[in-house]
Amino acid sequence: MRVVIDTNVLVSGVFFGGKPRQVLEHIWHGEAEVFASPEIVQEYDEVVQEMIKRGQGHLKRDALGIFLSCVNMIEPTAPVQLCRDPDDDKFLACADTCRAVYIVSGDKDLLELSSFHDIEIVTAAEFLARL
């Protein structure tokens, strides 16, 4: 099953745990294939660096490294302009290009859409319930 992980789920998983960490663990165990574009990975890096700089949460470096080693990099084939927050469009474009089943997110602007083409946009808890 192909998934795209929003930055807030990655950050919550590597800094705080809970259901977002469980999502990452399922990816580590090969129960889902994760895809990202260079633009998404850049956002991951920027937000993680900002969290470290602010001293927020406790970074599990092994969790971050394992997750990034699982990422399948792709270049979106067509831009998307749909979200209220244009920064979120990159997740839709990536998911559309890789034919993802889910975008896992905690972002209200993405979750408000609930789906895009045949891609469901779900919370970490919803994703875990569907596995």
Protein backbone atom coordinates (compact mmCIF):
# COMPACT_ATOMS: atom_id res chain seq x y z
CA MET A 1 0.00 0.00 0.00
CA ARG A 2 1.42 3.36 -1.04
CA VAL A 3 1.23 6.31 1.36
CA VAL A 4 2.41 9.89 1.66
CA ILE A 5 3.18 11.11 5.16
CA ASP A 6 2.53 14.75 5.99
CA THR A 7 5.25 16.60 7.88
CA ASN A 8 3.21 16.92 11.07
CA VAL A 9 2.85 13.13 11.32
CA LEU A 10 6.58 12.61 10.75
CA VAL A 11 7.52 15.25 13.33
CA SER A 12 5.04 13.95 15.90
CA GLY A 13 6.29 10.41 15.34
CA VAL A 14 10.00 11.16 15.69
CA PHE A 15 9.72 13.68 18.53
CA PHE A 16 6.70 12.63 20.58
CA GLY A 17 5.55 9.08 19.77
CA GLY A 18 1.92 8.01 20.01
CA LYS A 19 -0.12 7.03 16.98
CA PRO A 20 2.18 8.90 14.56
CA ARG A 21 5.10 6.77 15.81
CA GLN A 22 2.99 3.65 15.26
CA VAL A 23 2.40 4.76 11.66
CA LEU A 24 6.15 5.10 11.17
CA GLU A 25 6.73 1.67 12.72
CA HIS A 26 4.33 0.07 10.23
CA ILE A 27 6.33 1.70 7.44
CA TRP A 28 9.61 0.42 8.93
CA HIS A 29 8.17 -3.09 8.98
CA GLY A 30 7.21 -2.91 5.31
CA GLU A 31 3.46 -2.78 5.83
CA ALA A 32 3.24 0.35 3.68
CA GLU A 33 5.45 2.01 1.07
CA VAL A 34 6.11 5.68 1.73
CA PHE A 35 6.66 8.19 -1.06
CA ALA A 36 7.89 11.77 -1.01
CA SER A 37 9.11 14.41 -3.40
CA PRO A 38 12.29 16.42 -2.91
CA GLU A 39 10.12 19.37 -1.86
CA ILE A 40 8.47 17.26 0.86
CA VAL A 41 11.79 15.92 2.15
CA GLN A 42 13.10 19.49 2.25
CA GLU A 43 10.11 20.48 4.39
CA TYR A 44 10.69 17.46 6.65
CA ASP A 45 14.30 18.57 7.14
CA GLU A 46 13.44 22.24 7.77
CA VAL A 47 10.78 21.44 10.37
CA VAL A 48 12.95 18.84 12.14
CA GLN A 49 15.83 21.34 12.29
CA GLU A 50 13.50 24.00 13.69
CA MET A 51 12.24 21.58 16.36
CA ILE A 52 15.83 20.76 17.35
CA LYS A 53 16.74 24.45 17.45
CA ARG A 54 13.78 25.21 19.73
CA GLY A 55 14.49 22.19 21.92
CA GLN A 56 10.94 20.92 21.51
CA GLY A 57 10.26 17.26 22.18
CA HIS A 58 12.89 14.55 22.20
CA LEU A 59 14.29 13.63 18.81
CA LYS A 60 14.56 9.89 18.22
CA ARG A 61 17.35 10.05 15.62
CA ASP A 62 17.03 6.36 14.88
CA ALA A 63 13.32 6.86 14.12
CA LEU A 64 14.04 9.72 11.72
CA GLY A 65 16.89 7.88 10.00
CA ILE A 66 14.93 4.67 9.54
CA PHE A 67 11.94 6.58 8.16
CA LEU A 68 14.05 8.52 5.67
CA SER A 69 15.74 5.31 4.52
CA CYS A 70 12.29 3.93 3.65
CA VAL A 71 11.23 6.91 1.52
CA ASN A 72 10.76 6.30 -2.20
CA MET A 73 11.64 9.57 -3.92
CA ILE A 74 9.56 10.74 -6.86
CA GLU A 75 9.07 13.89 -8.88
CA PRO A 76 5.42 14.86 -9.19
CA THR A 77 4.29 14.85 -12.81
CA ALA A 78 1.77 17.68 -12.51
CA PRO A 79 1.34 20.50 -10.02
CA VAL A 80 -1.82 20.64 -7.93
CA GLN A 81 -3.52 23.82 -6.77
CA LEU A 82 -6.37 22.77 -4.52
CA CYS A 83 -5.62 23.33 -0.84
CA ARG A 84 -6.57 26.40 1.13
CA ASP A 85 -2.90 26.40 2.20
CA PRO A 86 -0.83 26.18 -1.01
CA ASP A 87 2.06 24.60 0.95
CA ASP A 88 -0.06 21.46 1.26
CA ASP A 89 -0.52 21.01 -2.48
CA LYS A 90 2.85 19.23 -2.73
CA PHE A 91 1.45 16.30 -0.71
CA LEU A 92 -1.49 15.97 -3.11
CA ALA A 93 0.79 16.16 -6.16
CA CYS A 94 3.12 13.51 -4.73
CA ALA A 95 0.25 11.20 -3.78
CA ASP A 96 -1.34 11.60 -7.19
CA THR A 97 1.90 10.81 -9.03
CA CYS A 98 2.73 7.70 -6.99
CA ARG A 99 -0.91 6.54 -6.96
CA ALA A 100 -1.03 6.51 -3.16
CA VAL A 101 -3.91 4.95 -1.30
CA TYR A 102 -3.57 7.35 1.65
CA ILE A 103 -2.15 10.67 2.70
CA VAL A 104 -1.64 10.46 6.46
CA SER A 105 -1.95 13.89 8.01
CA GLY A 106 -2.92 15.91 11.04
CA ASP A 107 -3.27 19.08 8.95
CA LYS A 108 -6.81 20.47 9.03
CA ASP A 109 -6.52 21.94 5.53
CA LEU A 110 -5.70 18.52 4.07
CA LEU A 111 -8.10 16.57 6.27
CA GLU A 112 -10.92 18.92 5.28
CA LEU A 113 -10.60 17.60 1.72
CA SER A 114 -11.06 13.98 2.96
CA SER A 115 -10.03 12.65 -0.46
CA PHE A 116 -8.33 13.65 -3.67
CA HIS A 117 -9.01 11.59 -6.77
CA ASP A 118 -9.00 8.06 -5.30
CA ILE A 119 -6.64 8.97 -2.43
CA GLU A 120 -8.06 9.08 1.09
CA ILE A 121 -6.71 11.74 3.42
CA VAL A 122 -6.74 10.32 6.93
CA THR A 123 -5.39 10.92 10.43
CA ALA A 124 -2.77 8.64 11.95
CA ALA A 125 -5.49 6.96 14.05
CA GLU A 126 -7.69 6.36 10.99
CA PHE A 127 -4.75 4.94 9.05
CA LEU A 128 -3.90 2.54 11.88
CA ALA A 129 -7.53 1.40 12.09
CA ARG A 130 -7.50 0.57 8.36
CA LEU A 131 -4.28 -1.43 8.37
